[in-house]
Amino acid sequence: MAFRPKSKRTSSPVGPQGKKLLDGLTANKNIDDIITLSKLTNKHSSDISTANNNIKTLNGDVSSLDSSKQDKITLTTDGFYGPSTFVNNVLNIPDYSSAPSGLFAQTTDSIPITATTTEGTLIDGGVGTLSVPADAFKVGDSFIAMLSGIISSVNNETLRIRVKSGSAVLGDSGLITLPATTNKHWDLDIHFTIRRIGAAGSAQIMTSGALTYSKDSSNAFEGADFSSLNNTTFDTTVPNTLDITVQWGSNNAGNNIYTQTFVLHKTY
């Protein structure tokens, strides 16, 4: 008796209903995995967003620190001599490279000093400056003032020249006795050198000057010179402004003087 071999089973051992159940479970598991992955992705996105916000906050703090905590320094280059200064967050470094040799040039005739014994200035308006700031002088600073103009005087009249800064007299010619002059040309050269700096009593300035003029008789040249050391009232710790004055000995109507040109140079 022959036996027929049994055919191999190809269907799922769980049957059609079981297969559906397994497929459902697998599908549900895949959905759960997707949901879990989505949650993780959302969490990472939230963490990245939080990190970005923290960076923005940190940048804002740094920016605020830059603007509110750090001092802002303003740089200026005013002037062309003297030391650098730092006041109220302003750093000023004088532009030494642009320093001119000329400091002042008068551009108009001075007011005539006529028939009076009142001391008057030989200086009038111009360009540049006659002032030096406080603590700007240095030992060895040297200057020359060159003036010229017209003078008339009665015979044997006296004239006194003073070189001043405020109330401090830097140079004094004393009384100069003049001959008769009528609308004659005159020249005055004055030299200054800073010997010491400091407050009054410590600072020193040496001043010398020479006046020349021509007189009516033979039109000959005459003149006078002077020199003065101020070591008592000159003060470099305060601002100084140059003035040059004259004073007649009488109020005779024949006495008259004024300046046509005045130039101040720094020579050292």
Protein backbone atom coordinates (compact mmCIF):
# COMPACT_ATOMS: atom_id res chain seq x y z
CA MET A 1 0.00 0.00 0.00
CA ALA A 2 1.56 3.28 -1.08
CA PHE A 3 1.54 6.40 1.02
CA ARG A 4 1.15 9.90 -0.49
CA PRO A 5 3.50 12.45 1.07
CA LYS A 6 1.89 15.26 2.95
CA SER A 7 2.06 18.66 1.24
CA LYS A 8 4.01 21.48 2.97
CA ARG A 9 1.83 24.07 4.66
CA THR A 10 2.32 27.52 3.19
CA SER A 11 -0.31 29.39 5.07
CA SER A 12 0.39 31.34 8.31
CA PRO A 13 0.18 29.11 11.35
CA VAL A 14 -1.99 31.67 12.99
CA GLY A 15 -4.40 31.77 10.23
CA PRO A 16 -5.78 34.67 8.31
CA GLN A 17 -7.27 36.28 11.36
CA GLY A 18 -4.03 36.02 13.34
CA LYS A 19 -2.02 37.52 10.46
CA LYS A 20 -4.30 40.51 10.40
CA LEU A 21 -3.84 40.87 14.12
CA LEU A 22 -0.05 40.74 13.81
CA ASP A 23 -0.04 43.24 10.96
CA GLY A 24 -2.17 45.57 13.09
CA LEU A 25 0.19 45.27 16.00
CA THR A 26 3.18 45.99 13.76
CA ALA A 27 1.44 49.01 12.29
CA ASN A 28 0.55 50.30 15.74
CA LYS A 29 4.15 49.83 16.87
CA ASN A 30 5.38 51.83 13.87
CA ILE A 31 2.91 54.59 14.70
CA ASP A 32 4.11 54.62 18.32
CA ASP A 33 7.72 54.86 17.10
CA ILE A 34 6.81 57.75 14.85
CA ILE A 35 5.01 59.53 17.68
CA THR A 36 8.00 58.96 19.98
CA LEU A 37 10.40 60.26 17.32
CA SER A 38 8.21 63.28 16.75
CA LYS A 39 8.20 64.02 20.49
CA LEU A 40 11.98 63.73 20.60
CA THR A 41 12.29 65.99 17.55
CA ASN A 42 9.97 68.55 19.10
CA LYS A 43 11.94 68.39 22.36
CA HIS A 44 15.23 68.94 20.51
CA SER A 45 13.68 71.82 18.58
CA SER A 46 12.48 73.34 21.84
CA ASP A 47 15.95 72.89 23.35
CA ILE A 48 17.54 74.54 20.30
CA SER A 49 15.06 77.41 20.48
CA THR A 50 15.76 77.83 24.19
CA ALA A 51 19.50 77.83 23.48
CA ASN A 52 19.07 80.45 20.77
CA ASN A 53 17.04 82.61 23.13
CA ASN A 54 19.73 82.25 25.78
CA ILE A 55 22.38 83.32 23.24
CA LYS A 56 20.29 86.34 22.28
CA THR A 57 19.89 87.23 25.95
CA LEU A 58 23.64 86.84 26.48
CA ASN A 59 24.37 89.02 23.45
CA GLY A 60 21.98 91.61 24.79
CA ASP A 61 23.73 91.56 28.15
CA VAL A 62 27.13 91.97 26.44
CA SER A 63 25.77 94.81 24.30
CA SER A 64 24.33 96.45 27.39
CA LEU A 65 27.67 95.97 29.12
CA ASP A 66 29.49 97.57 26.18
CA SER A 67 27.24 100.62 26.19
CA SER A 68 26.70 101.17 29.89
CA LYS A 69 29.72 99.73 31.67
CA GLN A 70 32.60 100.79 29.47
CA ASP A 71 33.87 104.39 29.46
CA LYS A 72 33.70 106.15 26.12
CA ILE A 73 36.83 108.17 25.33
CA THR A 74 36.71 111.10 22.92
CA LEU A 75 39.96 111.91 21.12
CA THR A 76 40.70 115.52 20.16
CA THR A 77 43.77 117.21 18.67
CA ASP A 78 43.26 120.82 19.75
CA GLY A 79 46.28 123.10 19.88
CA PHE A 80 49.80 122.49 18.65
CA TYR A 81 51.91 122.72 21.78
CA GLY A 82 51.79 121.74 25.44
CA PRO A 83 51.16 118.36 27.11
CA SER A 84 48.42 115.87 26.33
CA THR A 85 45.46 116.05 28.71
CA PHE A 86 42.72 113.63 29.82
CA VAL A 87 39.72 115.36 31.40
CA ASN A 88 36.15 113.98 31.67
CA ASN A 89 36.92 111.11 29.27
CA VAL A 90 38.26 113.54 26.65
CA LEU A 91 41.83 112.79 25.58
CA ASN A 92 43.45 115.76 23.84
CA ILE A 93 46.76 115.27 22.05
CA PRO A 94 48.01 118.54 20.53
CA ASP A 95 48.73 118.28 16.81
CA TYR A 96 52.43 119.07 17.04
CA SER A 97 52.92 118.33 13.33
CA SER A 98 50.78 121.32 12.35
CA ALA A 99 52.49 123.79 14.66
CA PRO A 100 53.08 127.03 12.78
CA SER A 101 55.94 129.34 13.65
CA GLY A 102 53.51 132.26 13.54
CA LEU A 103 51.11 132.50 16.47
CA PHE A 104 49.42 135.84 15.81
CA ALA A 105 49.28 138.49 13.10
CA GLN A 106 47.56 141.84 13.59
CA THR A 107 45.37 142.76 10.64
CA THR A 108 44.39 146.36 11.46
CA ASP A 109 45.97 149.50 12.90
CA SER A 110 45.79 149.75 16.65
CA ILE A 111 43.86 152.57 18.30
CA PRO A 112 46.18 155.62 18.55
CA ILE A 113 47.30 156.56 22.06
CA THR A 114 47.18 160.35 21.87
CA ALA A 115 47.50 163.22 24.36
CA THR A 116 46.99 161.07 27.44
CA THR A 117 48.95 159.70 30.36
CA THR A 118 46.69 156.66 30.56
CA GLU A 119 48.41 153.37 29.75
CA GLY A 120 47.08 151.90 26.49
CA THR A 121 47.64 148.81 24.38
CA LEU A 122 49.56 148.71 21.10
CA ILE A 123 47.70 145.56 20.03
CA ASP A 124 44.50 145.30 18.03
CA GLY A 125 42.55 142.61 16.20
CA GLY A 126 44.13 139.92 14.06
CA VAL A 127 44.34 136.19 13.36
CA GLY A 128 45.82 133.53 15.60
CA THR A 129 46.13 133.70 19.36
CA LEU A 130 47.98 135.64 22.02
CA SER A 131 46.96 133.20 24.76
CA VAL A 132 48.70 130.14 26.21
CA PRO A 133 46.62 127.68 28.27
CA ALA A 134 47.45 126.81 31.85
CA ASP A 135 50.38 124.38 32.21
CA ALA A 136 51.17 124.59 28.49
CA PHE A 137 54.52 126.38 28.73
CA LYS A 138 57.67 124.26 28.69
CA VAL A 139 61.13 125.22 29.84
CA GLY A 140 62.96 126.73 26.87
CA ASP A 141 59.86 127.94 25.03
CA SER A 142 60.93 131.09 23.23
CA PHE A 143 59.03 133.75 21.33
CA ILE A 144 59.61 136.97 19.41
CA ALA A 145 57.13 139.82 18.95
CA MET A 146 57.79 142.24 16.09
CA LEU A 147 55.86 145.51 15.98
CA SER A 148 56.05 148.61 13.80
CA GLY A 149 54.03 151.78 13.42
CA ILE A 150 53.95 155.57 13.45
CA ILE A 151 55.02 157.90 16.27
CA SER A 152 54.94 161.63 16.97
CA SER A 153 56.34 163.21 20.13
CA VAL A 154 57.29 166.60 21.50
CA ASN A 155 60.93 167.15 22.38
CA ASN A 156 62.09 165.51 25.62
CA GLU A 157 58.81 163.64 26.07
CA THR A 158 58.97 160.31 27.93
CA LEU A 159 57.46 157.02 26.82
CA ARG A 160 57.26 153.77 28.81
CA ILE A 161 56.76 150.33 27.25
CA ARG A 162 55.45 147.40 29.28
CA VAL A 163 55.10 143.76 28.25
CA LYS A 164 52.37 142.10 30.28
CA SER A 165 50.28 139.02 30.94
CA GLY A 166 47.31 140.09 32.97
CA SER A 167 48.67 142.04 35.91
CA ALA A 168 52.11 140.42 35.66
CA VAL A 169 54.71 142.71 34.06
CA LEU A 170 57.07 140.56 31.99
CA GLY A 171 59.19 143.41 30.62
CA ASP A 172 59.53 147.11 31.39
CA SER A 173 61.51 149.65 29.39
CA GLY A 174 61.43 152.27 32.10
CA LEU A 175 61.15 155.88 30.94
CA ILE A 176 62.52 156.50 27.43
CA THR A 177 63.23 160.15 26.63
CA LEU A 178 62.31 160.99 23.06
CA PRO A 179 63.38 163.81 20.71
CA ALA A 180 60.91 165.71 18.58
CA THR A 181 59.34 163.33 16.05
CA THR A 182 56.53 163.90 13.58
CA ASN A 183 54.84 160.93 11.96
CA LYS A 184 58.03 158.89 12.06
CA HIS A 185 58.37 155.15 11.64
CA TRP A 186 59.22 153.01 14.67
CA ASP A 187 60.09 149.32 15.25
CA LEU A 188 59.96 147.24 18.41
CA ASP A 189 61.34 143.70 18.74
CA ILE A 190 60.68 141.76 21.96
CA HIS A 191 62.17 138.36 22.85
CA PHE A 192 60.84 136.01 25.54
CA THR A 193 62.23 132.76 26.97
CA ILE A 194 60.64 130.54 29.64
CA ARG A 195 63.36 129.67 32.16
CA ARG A 196 61.27 127.84 34.72
CA ILE A 197 57.64 126.74 34.95
CA GLY A 198 55.32 126.65 37.93
CA ALA A 199 53.32 128.96 40.13
CA ALA A 200 54.25 132.55 40.91
CA GLY A 201 57.53 132.61 42.77
CA SER A 202 58.80 129.50 40.99
CA ALA A 203 58.25 130.32 37.30
CA GLN A 204 60.69 132.57 35.47
CA ILE A 205 60.52 134.41 32.15
CA MET A 206 63.27 136.50 30.60
CA THR A 207 62.19 139.37 28.35
CA SER A 208 64.30 141.75 26.30
CA GLY A 209 63.32 144.43 23.82
CA ALA A 210 64.70 147.05 21.45
CA LEU A 211 62.88 150.16 20.19
CA THR A 212 64.16 152.12 17.19
CA TYR A 213 62.70 155.25 15.59
CA SER A 214 63.81 158.21 13.46
CA LYS A 215 63.72 161.79 14.73
CA ASP A 216 62.87 165.00 12.92
CA SER A 217 66.40 166.46 13.16
CA SER A 218 68.49 164.96 10.34
CA ASN A 219 66.03 162.08 10.19
CA ALA A 220 68.56 160.06 12.18
CA PHE A 221 67.74 156.75 13.87
CA GLU A 222 67.68 156.55 17.64
CA GLY A 223 66.52 153.89 20.03
CA ALA A 224 66.42 152.29 23.43
CA ASP A 225 66.64 148.74 24.74
CA PHE A 226 65.67 146.92 27.92
CA SER A 227 65.66 143.49 29.60
CA SER A 228 63.72 142.14 32.57
CA LEU A 229 63.58 138.87 34.53
CA ASN A 230 60.24 138.14 36.15
CA ASN A 231 60.62 135.48 38.83
CA THR A 232 57.97 136.73 41.25
CA THR A 233 54.58 137.23 39.58
CA PHE A 234 54.81 135.14 36.38
CA ASP A 235 52.70 131.96 36.69
CA THR A 236 52.55 129.14 34.13
CA THR A 237 49.84 127.22 36.02
CA VAL A 238 47.21 129.72 34.85
CA PRO A 239 46.31 130.93 31.34
CA ASN A 240 48.56 133.71 30.03
CA THR A 241 47.61 136.32 27.42
CA LEU A 242 50.20 138.69 25.98
CA ASP A 243 49.70 142.45 25.98
CA ILE A 244 52.11 145.26 25.04
CA THR A 245 51.33 148.73 26.32
CA VAL A 246 52.77 152.25 26.22
CA GLN A 247 52.31 155.23 28.49
CA TRP A 248 53.16 158.85 27.76
CA GLY A 249 54.76 161.11 30.38
CA SER A 250 52.31 163.95 29.62
CA ASN A 251 49.05 164.61 27.83
CA ASN A 252 50.60 166.92 25.24
CA ALA A 253 48.62 166.91 22.00
CA GLY A 254 51.86 166.35 20.06
CA ASN A 255 52.23 162.85 21.51
CA ASN A 256 50.79 160.06 19.41
CA ILE A 257 51.69 156.41 18.73
CA TYR A 258 49.98 153.45 17.11
CA THR A 259 50.86 150.05 15.61
CA GLN A 260 50.53 149.14 11.95
CA THR A 261 51.97 145.64 12.05
CA PHE A 262 52.43 143.09 14.84
CA VAL A 263 53.46 139.46 14.41
CA LEU A 264 54.16 136.97 17.19
CA HIS A 265 56.36 133.93 16.42
CA LYS A 266 57.39 130.90 18.46
CA THR A 267 61.09 130.43 17.85
CA TYR A 268 61.77 127.38 20.04
